């Protein structure tokens, strides 16, 4: 059986009730949304660099970090993975170009 985003969300949830001394996840959450957002940003930049440098192995590693830190950020922000997945599902009902054109203009 393949490891899923729901599996990752469950791991994060279980570690969120641990202690910061035992869990890196808990130490991130304890530092708050802003810290979690910065970590997500750092990992995103590292993934971008790996992609631009065409370093497939590094990109895979960094992509894992990006997904993990995004999931921690969602948890810190009180956002549910199921809501993100529902948003993505709704977007698949039309083309990306049509969806983007339908967004309200700023």
Protein backbone atom coordinates (compact mmCIF):
# COMPACT_ATOMS: atom_id res chain seq x y z
CA UNK A 1 0.00 0.00 0.00
CA UNK A 2 1.33 3.44 -0.95
CA UNK A 3 1.91 6.20 1.57
CA UNK A 4 -0.69 8.95 1.03
CA UNK A 5 -1.20 12.57 2.02
CA UNK A 6 -3.87 11.34 4.43
CA UNK A 7 -1.22 9.11 6.01
CA UNK A 8 1.09 12.10 6.34
CA UNK A 9 -1.70 14.19 7.87
CA UNK A 10 -2.28 11.43 10.44
CA UNK A 11 1.43 11.30 11.32
CA UNK A 12 1.51 15.08 11.74
CA UNK A 13 -1.64 14.96 13.91
CA UNK A 14 -0.13 12.30 16.15
CA UNK A 15 3.13 14.19 16.50
CA UNK A 16 1.29 17.44 17.22
CA UNK A 17 0.32 16.02 20.62
CA UNK A 18 3.85 14.91 21.44
CA UNK A 19 6.52 17.12 22.99
CA UNK A 20 8.89 19.45 21.18
CA UNK A 21 11.80 17.52 22.68
CA UNK A 22 10.62 14.31 21.00
CA UNK A 23 9.05 15.65 17.80
CA UNK A 24 10.39 18.04 15.18
CA UNK A 25 6.82 18.48 13.97
CA UNK A 26 5.69 19.59 17.43
CA UNK A 27 8.62 22.00 17.69
CA UNK A 28 7.55 23.60 14.40
CA UNK A 29 3.92 23.87 15.49
CA UNK A 30 4.91 25.35 18.85
CA UNK A 31 6.69 28.20 17.05
CA UNK A 32 3.50 29.25 15.30
CA UNK A 33 2.11 29.92 11.85
CA UNK A 34 4.71 32.51 10.83
CA UNK A 35 7.59 30.15 11.58
CA UNK A 36 5.86 27.27 9.76
CA UNK A 37 5.27 29.57 6.77
CA UNK A 38 8.94 30.60 6.67
CA UNK A 39 10.05 26.95 6.78
CA UNK A 40 7.65 26.14 3.93
CA UNK A 41 9.09 29.05 1.95
CA UNK A 42 12.68 27.94 2.57
CA UNK A 43 11.93 24.40 1.43
CA UNK A 44 10.08 25.70 -1.64
CA UNK A 45 13.10 27.75 -2.69
CA UNK A 46 15.35 24.72 -2.24
CA UNK A 47 13.03 22.68 -4.49
CA UNK A 48 13.08 25.43 -7.10
CA UNK A 49 16.87 25.52 -7.07
CA UNK A 50 17.06 21.75 -7.45
CA UNK A 51 14.65 21.87 -10.40
CA UNK A 52 16.52 24.68 -12.13
CA UNK A 53 19.79 22.82 -11.63
CA UNK A 54 18.14 19.70 -13.10
CA UNK A 55 19.12 17.72 -9.99
CA UNK A 56 16.35 15.11 -10.00
CA UNK A 57 17.50 13.37 -6.81
CA UNK A 58 17.65 16.66 -4.88
CA UNK A 59 14.30 17.76 -6.31
CA UNK A 60 12.63 14.59 -5.06
CA UNK A 61 14.11 15.11 -1.58
CA UNK A 62 13.17 18.79 -1.51
CA UNK A 63 9.68 18.05 -2.83
CA UNK A 64 9.20 15.76 0.15
CA UNK A 65 10.28 18.60 2.43
CA UNK A 66 7.90 21.01 0.66
CA UNK A 67 4.93 18.68 1.05
CA UNK A 68 5.75 17.97 4.69
CA UNK A 69 6.16 21.63 5.56
CA UNK A 70 2.99 22.57 3.66
CA UNK A 71 1.07 19.98 5.66
CA UNK A 72 2.52 21.35 8.91
CA UNK A 73 1.58 24.87 7.82
CA UNK A 74 -1.97 23.73 7.10
CA UNK A 75 -2.14 22.17 10.58
CA UNK A 76 -0.72 25.30 12.22
CA UNK A 77 -3.27 27.41 10.36
CA UNK A 78 -6.23 25.21 11.21
CA UNK A 79 -6.80 24.30 7.57
CA UNK A 80 -7.81 20.73 6.70
CA UNK A 81 -6.25 18.64 3.94
CA UNK A 82 -9.77 17.57 2.97
CA UNK A 83 -10.64 21.21 2.22
CA UNK A 84 -7.56 21.57 0.01
CA UNK A 85 -8.43 18.36 -1.80
CA UNK A 86 -12.03 19.57 -2.30
CA UNK A 87 -10.66 22.80 -3.80
CA UNK A 88 -8.44 20.84 -6.17
CA UNK A 89 -11.30 18.55 -7.13
CA UNK A 90 -13.52 21.55 -7.91
CA UNK A 91 -10.81 22.99 -10.12
CA UNK A 92 -10.69 19.84 -12.22
CA UNK A 93 -14.28 20.44 -13.34
CA UNK A 94 -13.03 22.96 -15.92
CA UNK A 95 -9.81 23.77 -17.72
CA UNK A 96 -7.13 25.68 -15.85
CA UNK A 97 -7.43 28.57 -18.29
CA UNK A 98 -11.20 28.81 -17.75
CA UNK A 99 -10.84 28.55 -13.97
CA UNK A 100 -8.25 31.30 -13.88
CA UNK A 101 -10.33 33.56 -16.16
CA UNK A 102 -13.34 33.11 -13.86
CA UNK A 103 -11.46 34.37 -10.78
CA UNK A 104 -12.45 37.82 -9.53
CA UNK A 105 -10.10 40.57 -10.71
CA UNK A 106 -8.16 42.37 -7.96
